[in-house]
Amino acid sequence: MKEFLKVMKALSDPGRVKIMKMLQRRVMCVCEIQEALGIAQSTASKHLKILEDAGLIKFFKEGLWVNYTLTDGGKNPFAANLIGNMKHWLDDDPDVTELMKRLPEIKRDNICRR
């Protein structure tokens, strides 16, 4: 039950659900997630840590960049099930739809040049 509750709690925040939806589309760094959601870097990092601890996302380093992506859920069957189902959920939600429209314009190169 502990692993189930960890996943459910991780997805109990709208910001974390939006992060999951964005990561379905592409790999992202913290600055891109921060920009997309209009939140502080510390808030974005906290959300990412919660999702990582629940087995929903993972990170990998690429030079100076830390990139985030969805896991395959292999370490947690509840995470695997939710990751699979979320691909079909919330696509018609107005907040998610708007976020997905803006996502192609949010690029780390543009953010870091400011």
C-alpha atoms as a PDB file:
ATOM      1  CA  MET A   1       0.000   0.000   0.000  1.00  0.00           C
ATOM      2  CA  LYS A   2       2.927   2.355   0.717  1.00  0.00           C
ATOM      3  CA  GLU A   3       4.008   2.506  -2.950  1.00  0.00           C
ATOM      4  CA  PHE A   4       0.417   3.048  -4.099  1.00  0.00           C
ATOM      5  CA  LEU A   5      -0.048   5.972  -1.728  1.00  0.00           C
ATOM      6  CA  LYS A   6       3.266   7.524  -2.773  1.00  0.00           C
ATOM      7  CA  VAL A   7       2.134   7.592  -6.418  1.00  0.00           C
ATOM      8  CA  MET A   8      -1.322   8.897  -5.579  1.00  0.00           C
ATOM      9  CA  LYS A   9       0.078  11.665  -3.376  1.00  0.00           C
ATOM     10  CA  ALA A  10       2.569  12.640  -6.077  1.00  0.00           C
ATOM     11  CA  LEU A  11      -0.301  13.138  -8.513  1.00  0.00           C
ATOM     12  CA  SER A  12      -2.516  15.000  -6.038  1.00  0.00           C
ATOM     13  CA  ASP A  13      -1.092  18.379  -7.095  1.00  0.00           C
ATOM     14  CA  PRO A  14      -2.211  20.060 -10.358  1.00  0.00           C
ATOM     15  CA  GLY A  15       1.309  21.331 -11.038  1.00  0.00           C
ATOM     16  CA  ARG A  16       2.757  17.836 -10.845  1.00  0.00           C
ATOM     17  CA  VAL A  17       0.037  16.487 -13.141  1.00  0.00           C
ATOM     18  CA  LYS A  18       0.928  19.223 -15.652  1.00  0.00           C
ATOM     19  CA  ILE A  19       4.602  18.265 -15.407  1.00  0.00           C
ATOM     20  CA  MET A  20       3.665  14.676 -16.205  1.00  0.00           C
ATOM     21  CA  LYS A  21       1.631  15.796 -19.223  1.00  0.00           C
ATOM     22  CA  MET A  22       4.524  17.926 -20.510  1.00  0.00           C
ATOM     23  CA  LEU A  23       7.008  15.096 -20.070  1.00  0.00           C
ATOM     24  CA  GLN A  24       4.745  12.895 -22.183  1.00  0.00           C
ATOM     25  CA  ARG A  25       5.592  15.234 -25.050  1.00  0.00           C
ATOM     26  CA  ARG A  26       9.319  15.722 -24.533  1.00  0.00           C
ATOM     27  CA  VAL A  27      12.329  15.676 -22.251  1.00  0.00           C
ATOM     28  CA  MET A  28      12.608  18.923 -20.278  1.00  0.00           C
ATOM     29  CA  CYS A  29      14.999  20.671 -17.908  1.00  0.00           C
ATOM     30  CA  VAL A  30      14.008  22.479 -14.715  1.00  0.00           C
ATOM     31  CA  CYS A  31      14.183  25.924 -16.316  1.00  0.00           C
ATOM     32  CA  GLU A  32      11.748  24.872 -19.061  1.00  0.00           C
ATOM     33  CA  ILE A  33       9.306  23.411 -16.528  1.00  0.00           C
ATOM     34  CA  GLN A  34       9.614  26.531 -14.392  1.00  0.00           C
ATOM     35  CA  GLU A  35       8.902  28.742 -17.420  1.00  0.00           C
ATOM     36  CA  ALA A  36       5.954  26.634 -18.606  1.00  0.00           C
ATOM     37  CA  LEU A  37       4.227  26.652 -15.215  1.00  0.00           C
ATOM     38  CA  GLY A  38       5.259  30.156 -14.137  1.00  0.00           C
ATOM     39  CA  ILE A  39       6.687  28.925 -10.835  1.00  0.00           C
ATOM     40  CA  ALA A  40       9.910  29.438  -8.911  1.00  0.00           C
ATOM     41  CA  GLN A  41      12.871  27.153  -9.577  1.00  0.00           C
ATOM     42  CA  SER A  42      12.700  25.813  -6.031  1.00  0.00           C
ATOM     43  CA  THR A  43       9.023  24.912  -6.476  1.00  0.00           C
ATOM     44  CA  ALA A  44       9.721  23.150  -9.772  1.00  0.00           C
ATOM     45  CA  SER A  45      12.584  21.209  -8.173  1.00  0.00           C
ATOM     46  CA  LYS A  46      10.398  20.181  -5.243  1.00  0.00           C
ATOM     47  CA  HIS A  47       7.685  18.902  -7.604  1.00  0.00           C
ATOM     48  CA  LEU A  48      10.259  16.988  -9.629  1.00  0.00           C
ATOM     49  CA  LYS A  49      11.710  15.357  -6.513  1.00  0.00           C
ATOM     50  CA  ILE A  50       8.262  14.179  -5.380  1.00  0.00           C
ATOM     51  CA  LEU A  51       7.532  12.706  -8.829  1.00  0.00           C
ATOM     52  CA  GLU A  52      10.959  11.048  -8.903  1.00  0.00           C
ATOM     53  CA  ASP A  53      10.514   9.538  -5.431  1.00  0.00           C
ATOM     54  CA  ALA A  54       7.190   8.073  -6.566  1.00  0.00           C
ATOM     55  CA  GLY A  55       8.900   6.380  -9.525  1.00  0.00           C
ATOM     56  CA  LEU A  56       7.058   8.450 -12.125  1.00  0.00           C
ATOM     57  CA  ILE A  57      10.002  10.372 -13.601  1.00  0.00           C
ATOM     58  CA  LYS A  58      13.767  10.078 -13.812  1.00  0.00           C
ATOM     59  CA  PHE A  59      16.594  12.414 -14.686  1.00  0.00           C
ATOM     60  CA  PHE A  60      19.779  12.173 -16.661  1.00  0.00           C
ATOM     61  CA  LYS A  61      22.631  14.588 -17.120  1.00  0.00           C
ATOM     62  CA  GLU A  62      23.721  15.897 -20.480  1.00  0.00           C
ATOM     63  CA  GLY A  63      26.703  18.183 -20.043  1.00  0.00           C
ATOM     64  CA  LEU A  64      25.575  20.942 -17.699  1.00  0.00           C
ATOM     65  CA  TRP A  65      21.898  20.145 -18.211  1.00  0.00           C
ATOM     66  CA  VAL A  66      19.780  17.935 -15.986  1.00  0.00           C
ATOM     67  CA  ASN A  67      16.957  16.526 -18.096  1.00  0.00           C
ATOM     68  CA  TYR A  68      13.732  14.953 -16.866  1.00  0.00           C
ATOM     69  CA  THR A  69      11.668  12.284 -18.571  1.00  0.00           C
ATOM     70  CA  LEU A  70       8.945   9.790 -17.665  1.00  0.00           C
ATOM     71  CA  THR A  71      10.038   6.398 -16.382  1.00  0.00           C
ATOM     72  CA  ASP A  72       8.720   3.115 -17.710  1.00  0.00           C
ATOM     73  CA  GLY A  73       7.293   2.535 -14.230  1.00  0.00           C
ATOM     74  CA  GLY A  74       9.333  -0.660 -13.892  1.00  0.00           C
ATOM     75  CA  LYS A  75      10.106  -0.103 -10.214  1.00  0.00           C
ATOM     76  CA  ASN A  76       6.491   0.461  -9.227  1.00  0.00           C
ATOM     77  CA  PRO A  77       3.485  -1.246 -10.901  1.00  0.00           C
ATOM     78  CA  PHE A  78       1.182   1.561  -9.750  1.00  0.00           C
ATOM     79  CA  ALA A  79       3.425   4.138 -11.411  1.00  0.00           C
ATOM     80  CA  ALA A  80       3.524   2.076 -14.613  1.00  0.00           C
ATOM     81  CA  ASN A  81      -0.254   1.844 -14.721  1.00  0.00           C
ATOM     82  CA  LEU A  82      -0.796   5.558 -14.121  1.00  0.00           C
ATOM     83  CA  ILE A  83       1.868   6.622 -16.625  1.00  0.00           C
ATOM     84  CA  GLY A  84       0.158   4.500 -19.265  1.00  0.00           C
ATOM     85  CA  ASN A  85      -3.312   5.761 -18.484  1.00  0.00           C
ATOM     86  CA  MET A  86      -2.321   9.431 -18.208  1.00  0.00           C
ATOM     87  CA  LYS A  87      -1.456   9.399 -21.915  1.00  0.00           C
ATOM     88  CA  HIS A  88      -5.199   9.346 -22.542  1.00  0.00           C
ATOM     89  CA  TRP A  89      -6.369  11.503 -19.654  1.00  0.00           C
ATOM     90  CA  LEU A  90      -6.858  15.269 -19.428  1.00  0.00           C
ATOM     91  CA  ASP A  91      -6.025  16.103 -23.046  1.00  0.00           C
ATOM     92  CA  ASP A  92      -9.281  18.039 -23.271  1.00  0.00           C
ATOM     93  CA  ASP A  93      -8.711  19.933 -20.007  1.00  0.00           C
ATOM     94  CA  PRO A  94      -8.461  23.687 -20.804  1.00  0.00           C
ATOM     95  CA  ASP A  95      -5.341  24.211 -18.665  1.00  0.00           C
ATOM     96  CA  VAL A  96      -3.556  21.224 -20.207  1.00  0.00           C
ATOM     97  CA  THR A  97      -4.626  22.224 -23.730  1.00  0.00           C
ATOM     98  CA  GLU A  98      -3.252  25.753 -23.273  1.00  0.00           C
ATOM     99  CA  LEU A  99      -0.026  24.436 -21.790  1.00  0.00           C
ATOM    100  CA  MET A 100       0.492  22.043 -24.707  1.00  0.00           C
ATOM    101  CA  LYS A 101      -0.038  24.911 -27.191  1.00  0.00           C
ATOM    102  CA  ARG A 102       2.728  26.941 -25.513  1.00  0.00           C
ATOM    103  CA  LEU A 103       5.122  24.041 -25.020  1.00  0.00           C
ATOM    104  CA  PRO A 104       6.863  24.212 -28.447  1.00  0.00           C
ATOM    105  CA  GLU A 105       7.873  27.837 -27.753  1.00  0.00           C
ATOM    106  CA  ILE A 106       9.476  27.008 -24.392  1.00  0.00           C
ATOM    107  CA  LYS A 107      13.114  26.196 -25.098  1.00  0.00           C
ATOM    108  CA  ARG A 108      16.069  26.243 -22.739  1.00  0.00           C
ATOM    109  CA  ASP A 109      18.206  28.194 -25.202  1.00  0.00           C
ATOM    110  CA  ASN A 110      15.711  31.066 -25.207  1.00  0.00           C
ATOM    111  CA  ILE A 111      15.295  31.018 -21.424  1.00  0.00           C
ATOM    112  CA  CYS A 112      19.007  31.003 -20.645  1.00  0.00           C
ATOM    113  CA  ARG A 113      19.793  33.867 -23.037  1.00  0.00           C
ATOM    114  CA  ARG A 114      17.686  36.355 -21.066  1.00  0.00           C
END
